[in-house]
PDB file of N, CA and C in Angstrom:
ATOM      1  N   MET A   1       8.988 125.301 188.828  1.00  0.00           N
ATOM      2  CA  MET A   1       8.581 122.823 188.708  1.00  0.00           C
ATOM      3  C   MET A   1       8.564 122.183 186.925  1.00  0.00           C
ATOM      4  N   SER A   2       9.975 121.526 186.851  1.00  0.00           N
ATOM      5  CA  SER A   2       9.566 120.619 185.790  1.00  0.00           C
ATOM      6  C   SER A   2       8.573 120.679 185.015  1.00  0.00           C
ATOM      7  N   ASP A   3       7.991 120.237 183.716  1.00  0.00           N
ATOM      8  CA  ASP A   3       7.210 118.759 183.342  1.00  0.00           C
ATOM      9  C   ASP A   3       7.988 117.523 183.270  1.00  0.00           C
ATOM     10  N   ILE A   4       8.694 116.826 183.509  1.00  0.00           N
ATOM     11  CA  ILE A   4       8.676 116.329 184.120  1.00  0.00           C
ATOM     12  C   ILE A   4       8.503 115.837 185.393  1.00  0.00           C
ATOM     13  N   LYS A   5       8.760 117.000 186.182  1.00  0.00           N
ATOM     14  CA  LYS A   5       9.091 116.488 187.480  1.00  0.00           C
ATOM     15  C   LYS A   5       6.361 116.779 188.068  1.00  0.00           C
ATOM     16  N   ARG A   6       5.991 117.489 187.418  1.00  0.00           N
ATOM     17  CA  ARG A   6       4.693 117.773 187.254  1.00  0.00           C
ATOM     18  C   ARG A   6       4.417 116.345 187.117  1.00  0.00           C
ATOM     19  N   TYR A   7       4.442 115.690 185.778  1.00  0.00           N
ATOM     20  CA  TYR A   7       3.553 114.620 185.711  1.00  0.00           C
ATOM     21  C   TYR A   7       4.317 113.496 186.429  1.00  0.00           C
ATOM     22  N   THR A   8       5.434 113.456 187.390  1.00  0.00           N
ATOM     23  CA  THR A   8       5.708 111.919 187.352  1.00  0.00           C
ATOM     24  C   THR A   8       4.859 112.035 189.261  1.00  0.00           C
ATOM     25  N   GLU A   9       5.154 112.956 190.183  1.00  0.00           N
ATOM     26  CA  GLU A   9       4.367 113.475 191.187  1.00  0.00           C
ATOM     27  C   GLU A   9       2.928 113.187 190.824  1.00  0.00           C
ATOM     28  N   LYS A  10       2.299 114.329 189.255  1.00  0.00           N
ATOM     29  CA  LYS A  10       0.963 113.070 189.285  1.00  0.00           C
ATOM     30  C   LYS A  10       0.693 111.827 189.338  1.00  0.00           C
ATOM     31  N   ARG A  11       1.331 111.156 188.105  1.00  0.00           N
ATOM     32  CA  ARG A  11       1.106 110.372 188.215  1.00  0.00           C
ATOM     33  C   ARG A  11       1.134 109.278 190.101  1.00  0.00           C
ATOM     34  N   MET A  12       2.332 109.338 190.427  1.00  0.00           N
ATOM     35  CA  MET A  12       3.048 108.858 192.262  1.00  0.00           C
ATOM     36  C   MET A  12       1.561 109.236 192.076  1.00  0.00           C
ATOM     37  N   SER A  13       0.299 110.484 192.801  1.00  0.00           N
ATOM     38  CA  SER A  13      -0.075 110.423 193.787  1.00  0.00           C
ATOM     39  C   SER A  13      -1.323 109.695 193.242  1.00  0.00           C
ATOM     40  N   THR A  14      -1.573 109.094 191.941  1.00  0.00           N
ATOM     41  CA  THR A  14      -2.612 108.529 191.178  1.00  0.00           C
ATOM     42  C   THR A  14      -2.971 107.218 191.171  1.00  0.00           C
ATOM     43  N   ASP A  15      -1.205 106.486 191.274  1.00  0.00           N
ATOM     44  CA  ASP A  15      -0.773 104.936 190.452  1.00  0.00           C
ATOM     45  C   ASP A  15      -0.214 104.681 191.490  1.00  0.00           C
ATOM     46  N   ALA A  16      -0.404 104.148 192.832  1.00  0.00           N
ATOM     47  CA  ALA A  16      -0.112 103.167 193.682  1.00  0.00           C
ATOM     48  C   ALA A  16       1.366 102.322 192.926  1.00  0.00           C
ATOM     49  N   GLU A  17       0.664 101.703 191.763  1.00  0.00           N
ATOM     50  CA  GLU A  17       2.430 101.094 191.433  1.00  0.00           C
ATOM     51  C   GLU A  17       3.067 101.787 190.493  1.00  0.00           C
ATOM     52  N   PHE A  18       2.463 102.668 189.631  1.00  0.00           N
ATOM     53  CA  PHE A  18       3.750 103.152 189.383  1.00  0.00           C
ATOM     54  C   PHE A  18       4.755 104.302 189.741  1.00  0.00           C
ATOM     55  N   ALA A  19       4.465 103.770 191.696  1.00  0.00           N
ATOM     56  CA  ALA A  19       4.787 104.980 192.472  1.00  0.00           C
ATOM     57  C   ALA A  19       6.313 104.305 193.314  1.00  0.00           C
ATOM     58  N   ASP A  20       5.400 102.968 193.858  1.00  0.00           N
ATOM     59  CA  ASP A  20       6.540 101.949 193.636  1.00  0.00           C
ATOM     60  C   ASP A  20       7.463 101.569 192.697  1.00  0.00           C
ATOM     61  N   GLY A  21       7.290 101.600 191.696  1.00  0.00           N
ATOM     62  CA  GLY A  21       8.389 101.082 190.435  1.00  0.00           C
ATOM     63  C   GLY A  21       9.071 102.367 190.499  1.00  0.00           C
ATOM     64  N   PHE A  22       8.882 103.399 190.306  1.00  0.00           N
ATOM     65  CA  PHE A  22       9.024 104.865 190.219  1.00  0.00           C
ATOM     66  C   PHE A  22      11.061 104.428 191.205  1.00  0.00           C
ATOM     67  N   GLU A  23       9.609 104.945 192.375  1.00  0.00           N
ATOM     68  CA  GLU A  23      11.296 105.215 193.431  1.00  0.00           C
ATOM     69  C   GLU A  23      11.903 104.141 193.614  1.00  0.00           C
ATOM     70  N   PHE A  24      10.996 102.441 193.145  1.00  0.00           N
ATOM     71  CA  PHE A  24      12.878 101.652 193.549  1.00  0.00           C
ATOM     72  C   PHE A  24      13.644 101.731 192.100  1.00  0.00           C
ATOM     73  N   GLY A  25      12.884 102.067 191.231  1.00  0.00           N
ATOM     74  CA  GLY A  25      14.548 102.475 189.877  1.00  0.00           C
ATOM     75  C   GLY A  25      14.775 103.978 190.229  1.00  0.00           C
ATOM     76  N   TYR A  26      14.735 105.275 190.475  1.00  0.00           N
ATOM     77  CA  TYR A  26      14.906 106.012 190.890  1.00  0.00           C
ATOM     78  C   TYR A  26      16.193 105.838 192.100  1.00  0.00           C
ATOM     79  N   ALA A  27      15.626 104.748 192.953  1.00  0.00           N
ATOM     80  CA  ALA A  27      17.281 104.478 194.119  1.00  0.00           C
ATOM     81  C   ALA A  27      18.074 103.870 193.231  1.00  0.00           C
ATOM     82  N   ASN A  28      17.713 102.794 192.263  1.00  0.00           N
ATOM     83  CA  ASN A  28      19.144 102.028 191.527  1.00  0.00           C
ATOM     84  C   ASN A  28      19.920 103.238 190.545  1.00  0.00           C
ATOM     85  N   PHE A  29      18.667 103.424 190.075  1.00  0.00           N
ATOM     86  CA  PHE A  29      19.430 104.994 189.247  1.00  0.00           C
ATOM     87  C   PHE A  29      20.528 105.784 190.061  1.00  0.00           C
ATOM     88  N   LYS A  30      20.277 106.163 191.097  1.00  0.00           N
ATOM     89  CA  LYS A  30      21.039 106.916 192.600  1.00  0.00           C
ATOM     90  C   LYS A  30      22.266 106.155 192.848  1.00  0.00           C
ATOM     91  N   ILE A  31      22.359 104.288 192.709  1.00  0.00           N
ATOM     92  CA  ILE A  31      23.230 104.158 193.075  1.00  0.00           C
ATOM     93  C   ILE A  31      23.789 104.074 191.483  1.00  0.00           C
ATOM     94  N   GLY A  32      23.908 103.483 190.691  1.00  0.00           N
ATOM     95  CA  GLY A  32      24.403 104.339 189.605  1.00  0.00           C
ATOM     96  C   GLY A  32      25.668 105.664 188.990  1.00  0.00           C
ATOM     97  N   VAL A  33      24.930 106.752 190.269  1.00  0.00           N
ATOM     98  CA  VAL A  33      25.237 107.253 189.780  1.00  0.00           C
ATOM     99  C   VAL A  33      26.318 107.724 190.432  1.00  0.00           C
ATOM    100  N   MET A  34      25.671 107.452 191.722  1.00  0.00           N
ATOM    101  CA  MET A  34      26.921 107.162 192.839  1.00  0.00           C
ATOM    102  C   MET A  34      28.300 107.069 192.888  1.00  0.00           C
ATOM    103  N   LEU A  35      27.827 105.651 191.897  1.00  0.00           N
ATOM    104  CA  LEU A  35      29.362 105.062 192.079  1.00  0.00           C
ATOM    105  C   LEU A  35      29.963 105.499 190.071  1.00  0.00           C
ATOM    106  N   LYS A  36      29.088 105.805 189.891  1.00  0.00           N
ATOM    107  CA  LYS A  36      29.698 106.661 188.424  1.00  0.00           C
ATOM    108  C   LYS A  36      30.704 108.340 189.345  1.00  0.00           C
ATOM    109  N   GLN A  37      30.452 109.110 189.829  1.00  0.00           N
ATOM    110  CA  GLN A  37      30.759 110.326 190.727  1.00  0.00           C
ATOM    111  C   GLN A  37      31.657 109.425 191.654  1.00  0.00           C
ATOM    112  N   ALA A  38      31.957 108.906 191.740  1.00  0.00           N
ATOM    113  CA  ALA A  38      33.087 108.381 192.621  1.00  0.00           C
ATOM    114  C   ALA A  38      34.754 107.646 192.074  1.00  0.00           C
ATOM    115  N   ARG A  39      33.848 107.094 191.079  1.00  0.00           N
ATOM    116  CA  ARG A  39      35.290 106.566 190.340  1.00  0.00           C
ATOM    117  C   ARG A  39      35.535 108.217 189.364  1.00  0.00           C
ATOM    118  N   GLU A  40      34.580 108.807 189.282  1.00  0.00           N
ATOM    119  CA  GLU A  40      34.947 110.244 189.051  1.00  0.00           C
ATOM    120  C   GLU A  40      36.445 110.974 189.165  1.00  0.00           C
ATOM    121  N   ALA A  41      35.359 110.825 190.949  1.00  0.00           N
ATOM    122  CA  ALA A  41      36.103 111.705 191.708  1.00  0.00           C
ATOM    123  C   ALA A  41      37.899 111.449 192.945  1.00  0.00           C
ATOM    124  N   ALA A  42      38.359 109.620 191.656  1.00  0.00           N
ATOM    125  CA  ALA A  42      39.025 109.425 192.192  1.00  0.00           C
ATOM    126  C   ALA A  42      39.440 109.616 190.757  1.00  0.00           C
ATOM    127  N   GLY A  43      39.400 109.908 189.888  1.00  0.00           N
ATOM    128  CA  GLY A  43      40.324 109.897 188.604  1.00  0.00           C
ATOM    129  C   GLY A  43      40.288 109.314 187.902  1.00  0.00           C
ATOM    130  N   MET A  44      39.158 108.183 188.144  1.00  0.00           N
ATOM    131  CA  MET A  44      39.465 107.097 187.486  1.00  0.00           C
ATOM    132  C   MET A  44      38.723 106.662 185.954  1.00  0.00           C
ATOM    133  N   THR A  45      39.153 105.866 184.938  1.00  0.00           N
ATOM    134  CA  THR A  45      38.168 105.909 183.703  1.00  0.00           C
ATOM    135  C   THR A  45      37.926 104.354 184.314  1.00  0.00           C
ATOM    136  N   GLN A  46      36.981 103.912 183.952  1.00  0.00           N
ATOM    137  CA  GLN A  46      36.219 102.628 184.030  1.00  0.00           C
ATOM    138  C   GLN A  46      37.266 101.525 183.337  1.00  0.00           C
ATOM    139  N   GLU A  47      37.928 101.535 182.046  1.00  0.00           N
ATOM    140  CA  GLU A  47      39.045 100.519 181.840  1.00  0.00           C
ATOM    141  C   GLU A  47      39.915 100.141 183.419  1.00  0.00           C
ATOM    142  N   GLU A  48      40.391 101.655 184.008  1.00  0.00           N
ATOM    143  CA  GLU A  48      40.994 101.668 185.057  1.00  0.00           C
ATOM    144  C   GLU A  48      40.592 100.769 186.350  1.00  0.00           C
ATOM    145  N   VAL A  49      39.522 101.376 186.162  1.00  0.00           N
ATOM    146  CA  VAL A  49      38.245 100.146 187.835  1.00  0.00           C
ATOM    147  C   VAL A  49      38.006  98.649 186.939  1.00  0.00           C
ATOM    148  N   ALA A  50      37.588  98.238 185.668  1.00  0.00           N
ATOM    149  CA  ALA A  50      37.971  97.714 185.025  1.00  0.00           C
ATOM    150  C   ALA A  50      39.298  95.875 185.851  1.00  0.00           C
ATOM    151  N   ARG A  51      40.351  97.502 185.228  1.00  0.00           N
ATOM    152  CA  ARG A  51      41.184  96.382 185.688  1.00  0.00           C
ATOM    153  C   ARG A  51      41.121  95.834 186.937  1.00  0.00           C
ATOM    154  N   GLN A  52      41.096  96.956 187.689  1.00  0.00           N
ATOM    155  CA  GLN A  52      41.311  96.310 189.122  1.00  0.00           C
ATOM    156  C   GLN A  52      40.928  95.851 189.552  1.00  0.00           C
ATOM    157  N   LEU A  53      39.286  95.171 188.965  1.00  0.00           N
ATOM    158  CA  LEU A  53      38.410  94.147 189.274  1.00  0.00           C
ATOM    159  C   LEU A  53      37.954  92.443 189.222  1.00  0.00           C
ATOM    160  N   ASN A  54      39.551  92.682 187.816  1.00  0.00           N
ATOM    161  CA  ASN A  54      39.906  91.807 186.236  1.00  0.00           C
ATOM    162  C   ASN A  54      38.515  91.805 185.932  1.00  0.00           C
ATOM    163  N   THR A  55      38.077  93.019 185.369  1.00  0.00           N
ATOM    164  CA  THR A  55      37.387  92.347 184.201  1.00  0.00           C
ATOM    165  C   THR A  55      36.513  93.883 183.290  1.00  0.00           C
ATOM    166  N   THR A  56      36.149  93.863 182.456  1.00  0.00           N
ATOM    167  CA  THR A  56      34.880  94.505 181.615  1.00  0.00           C
ATOM    168  C   THR A  56      35.051  95.686 181.509  1.00  0.00           C
ATOM    169  N   LYS A  57      35.035  96.492 180.946  1.00  0.00           N
ATOM    170  CA  LYS A  57      35.305  97.986 180.936  1.00  0.00           C
ATOM    171  C   LYS A  57      33.896  97.856 180.309  1.00  0.00           C
ATOM    172  N   SER A  58      32.569  97.146 179.547  1.00  0.00           N
ATOM    173  CA  SER A  58      31.585  97.165 179.383  1.00  0.00           C
ATOM    174  C   SER A  58      30.714  96.644 180.186  1.00  0.00           C
ATOM    175  N   ALA A  59      31.332  95.311 181.302  1.00  0.00           N
ATOM    176  CA  ALA A  59      31.430  95.100 182.689  1.00  0.00           C
ATOM    177  C   ALA A  59      30.760  96.363 183.218  1.00  0.00           C
ATOM    178  N   ILE A  60      31.502  96.926 183.661  1.00  0.00           N
ATOM    179  CA  ILE A  60      31.307  98.406 184.935  1.00  0.00           C
ATOM    180  C   ILE A  60      30.469  99.199 184.130  1.00  0.00           C
ATOM    181  N   SER A  61      30.667  99.768 182.650  1.00  0.00           N
ATOM    182  CA  SER A  61      29.420 100.118 182.426  1.00  0.00           C
ATOM    183  C   SER A  61      28.038  99.932 183.083  1.00  0.00           C
ATOM    184  N   ARG A  62      27.977  98.968 182.844  1.00  0.00           N
ATOM    185  CA  ARG A  62      26.240  98.115 182.885  1.00  0.00           C
ATOM    186  C   ARG A  62      26.499  97.970 184.403  1.00  0.00           C
ATOM    187  N   ILE A  63      27.140  97.695 185.551  1.00  0.00           N
ATOM    188  CA  ILE A  63      27.030  98.555 187.288  1.00  0.00           C
ATOM    189  C   ILE A  63      26.668  99.430 186.993  1.00  0.00           C
ATOM    190  N   GLU A  64      27.841 100.806 186.352  1.00  0.00           N
ATOM    191  CA  GLU A  64      27.094 102.847 186.815  1.00  0.00           C
ATOM    192  C   GLU A  64      25.616 102.252 186.087  1.00  0.00           C
ATOM    193  N   ASN A  65      25.795 101.415 185.060  1.00  0.00           N
ATOM    194  CA  ASN A  65      24.321 102.345 184.192  1.00  0.00           C
ATOM    195  C   ASN A  65      22.730 101.508 184.429  1.00  0.00           C
ATOM    196  N   HIS A  66      22.650 100.818 185.618  1.00  0.00           N
ATOM    197  CA  HIS A  66      21.780  99.277 185.731  1.00  0.00           C
ATOM    198  C   HIS A  66      22.006  98.672 186.462  1.00  0.00           C
ATOM    199  N   ALA A  67      22.199  99.402 188.464  1.00  0.00           N
ATOM    200  CA  ALA A  67      22.904  98.650 189.363  1.00  0.00           C
ATOM    201  C   ALA A  67      21.392  98.464 190.296  1.00  0.00           C
ATOM    202  N   GLU A  68      20.689  97.429 189.318  1.00  0.00           N
ATOM    203  CA  GLU A  68      19.473  97.016 190.083  1.00  0.00           C
ATOM    204  C   GLU A  68      20.147  95.742 191.064  1.00  0.00           C
ATOM    205  N   ASP A  69      20.540  94.967 190.139  1.00  0.00           N
ATOM    206  CA  ASP A  69      21.335  93.756 190.826  1.00  0.00           C
ATOM    207  C   ASP A  69      22.348  93.738 191.129  1.00  0.00           C
ATOM    208  N   ILE A  70      23.418  94.300 191.625  1.00  0.00           N
ATOM    209  CA  ILE A  70      24.376  94.332 191.703  1.00  0.00           C
ATOM    210  C   ILE A  70      24.880  93.986 193.307  1.00  0.00           C
ATOM    211  N   ARG A  71      25.875  93.094 193.380  1.00  0.00           N
ATOM    212  CA  ARG A  71      25.553  92.193 194.938  1.00  0.00           C
ATOM    213  C   ARG A  71      26.847  92.668 196.015  1.00  0.00           C
ATOM    214  N   LEU A  72      26.640  93.551 197.167  1.00  0.00           N
ATOM    215  CA  LEU A  72      27.103  93.650 198.323  1.00  0.00           C
ATOM    216  C   LEU A  72      28.494  93.710 197.478  1.00  0.00           C
ATOM    217  N   SER A  73      28.979  92.277 197.572  1.00  0.00           N
ATOM    218  CA  SER A  73      30.124  92.267 197.321  1.00  0.00           C
ATOM    219  C   SER A  73      31.411  92.663 196.558  1.00  0.00           C
ATOM    220  N   THR A  74      31.226  92.908 195.343  1.00  0.00           N
ATOM    221  CA  THR A  74      30.776  93.308 193.991  1.00  0.00           C
ATOM    222  C   THR A  74      30.447  95.357 194.407  1.00  0.00           C
ATOM    223  N   LEU A  75      30.683  95.408 194.582  1.00  0.00           N
ATOM    224  CA  LEU A  75      29.599  97.304 195.605  1.00  0.00           C
ATOM    225  C   LEU A  75      31.324  98.038 196.056  1.00  0.00           C
ATOM    226  N   ASN A  76      31.116  96.399 196.944  1.00  0.00           N
ATOM    227  CA  ASN A  76      32.698  96.449 198.395  1.00  0.00           C
ATOM    228  C   ASN A  76      33.735  96.603 197.267  1.00  0.00           C
ATOM    229  N   ARG A  77      33.989  95.744 195.550  1.00  0.00           N
ATOM    230  CA  ARG A  77      35.131  95.029 195.870  1.00  0.00           C
ATOM    231  C   ARG A  77      35.557  97.059 194.787  1.00  0.00           C
ATOM    232  N   TYR A  78      33.789  97.308 194.425  1.00  0.00           N
ATOM    233  CA  TYR A  78      34.135  98.405 192.949  1.00  0.00           C
ATOM    234  C   TYR A  78      34.456  99.615 194.282  1.00  0.00           C
ATOM    235  N   ALA A  79      33.909 100.051 195.331  1.00  0.00           N
ATOM    236  CA  ALA A  79      34.426 101.035 196.559  1.00  0.00           C
ATOM    237  C   ALA A  79      36.149 101.059 196.372  1.00  0.00           C
ATOM    238  N   LYS A  80      36.491  99.407 196.627  1.00  0.00           N
ATOM    239  CA  LYS A  80      37.330 100.064 196.864  1.00  0.00           C
ATOM    240  C   LYS A  80      38.934 100.073 196.482  1.00  0.00           C
ATOM    241  N   ALA A  81      38.592 100.411 195.305  1.00  0.00           N
ATOM    242  CA  ALA A  81      39.088  99.730 193.859  1.00  0.00           C
ATOM    243  C   ALA A  81      39.179 101.704 193.672  1.00  0.00           C
ATOM    244  N   VAL A  82      38.098 102.252 193.521  1.00  0.00           N
ATOM    245  CA  VAL A  82      37.951 104.199 193.198  1.00  0.00           C
ATOM    246  C   VAL A  82      38.753 104.776 194.868  1.00  0.00           C
ATOM    247  N   GLY A  83      39.179 103.147 195.940  1.00  0.00           N
ATOM    248  CA  GLY A  83      39.441 103.832 196.974  1.00  0.00           C
ATOM    249  C   GLY A  83      38.350 105.404 197.872  1.00  0.00           C
ATOM    250  N   ALA A  84      37.128 103.993 198.065  1.00  0.00           N
ATOM    251  CA  ALA A  84      36.254 104.430 198.729  1.00  0.00           C
ATOM    252  C   ALA A  84      35.312 103.971 200.043  1.00  0.00           C
ATOM    253  N   ASN A  85      34.935 103.722 200.994  1.00  0.00           N
ATOM    254  CA  ASN A  85      34.824 102.998 202.323  1.00  0.00           C
ATOM    255  C   ASN A  85      33.376 103.077 202.050  1.00  0.00           C
ATOM    256  N   LEU A  86      32.951 101.564 201.153  1.00  0.00           N
ATOM    257  CA  LEU A  86      31.149 101.318 201.465  1.00  0.00           C
ATOM    258  C   LEU A  86      30.154 101.463 202.514  1.00  0.00           C
ATOM    259  N   GLN A  87      29.303 101.763 202.599  1.00  0.00           N
ATOM    260  CA  GLN A  87      28.860 102.524 204.352  1.00  0.00           C
ATOM    261  C   GLN A  87      26.747 101.990 203.443  1.00  0.00           C
ATOM    262  N   ILE A  88      26.422 101.444 204.227  1.00  0.00           N
ATOM    263  CA  ILE A  88      24.955 100.762 203.933  1.00  0.00           C
ATOM    264  C   ILE A  88      24.218 101.391 205.460  1.00  0.00           C
ATOM    265  N   ARG A  89      23.198 101.835 204.890  1.00  0.00           N
ATOM    266  CA  ARG A  89      22.783 102.916 205.702  1.00  0.00           C
ATOM    267  C   ARG A  89      20.953 102.793 206.004  1.00  0.00           C
ATOM    268  N   LEU A  90      19.749 101.543 206.524  1.00  0.00           N
ATOM    269  CA  LEU A  90      19.215 101.543 206.762  1.00  0.00           C
ATOM    270  C   LEU A  90      17.745 102.341 207.303  1.00  0.00           C
ATOM    271  N   ALA A  91      17.411 103.218 206.779  1.00  0.00           N
ATOM    272  CA  ALA A  91      16.671 104.635 206.727  1.00  0.00           C
ATOM    273  C   ALA A  91      14.776 104.743 206.985  1.00  0.00           C
ATOM    274  N   PRO A  92      13.887 105.010 207.243  1.00  0.00           N
ATOM    275  CA  PRO A  92      12.569 104.704 207.640  1.00  0.00           C
ATOM    276  C   PRO A  92      12.452 104.633 206.650  1.00  0.00           C
ATOM    277  N   MET A  93      10.767 104.175 205.598  1.00  0.00           N
ATOM    278  CA  MET A  93      10.147 104.317 204.955  1.00  0.00           C
ATOM    279  C   MET A  93       9.119 105.699 205.342  1.00  0.00           C
ATOM    280  N   VAL A  94       9.398 106.614 204.192  1.00  0.00           N
ATOM    281  CA  VAL A  94       8.539 108.134 204.142  1.00  0.00           C
ATOM    282  C   VAL A  94       7.022 107.672 203.396  1.00  0.00           C
TER     283      VAL A  94
END
């Protein structure tokens, strides 16, 4: 187990506020990673996606790196631009 994983597990078990914030932040990070992976799988650059969405490369970079406030309509347009289908699933909290 890595030092970071040990630290986060220990901190989450002793600090509820940290645990809540960590889970929220990690979920947003995963969304950005999924967007980037979908774009790369489509063989597209950020510039190409930006053209499809009628925006700038920096806006696409911001979406991929800071996905916490992204609108569903933007996610849907991004998915279509990279040839993907947006699917949303609600799962029980663990």
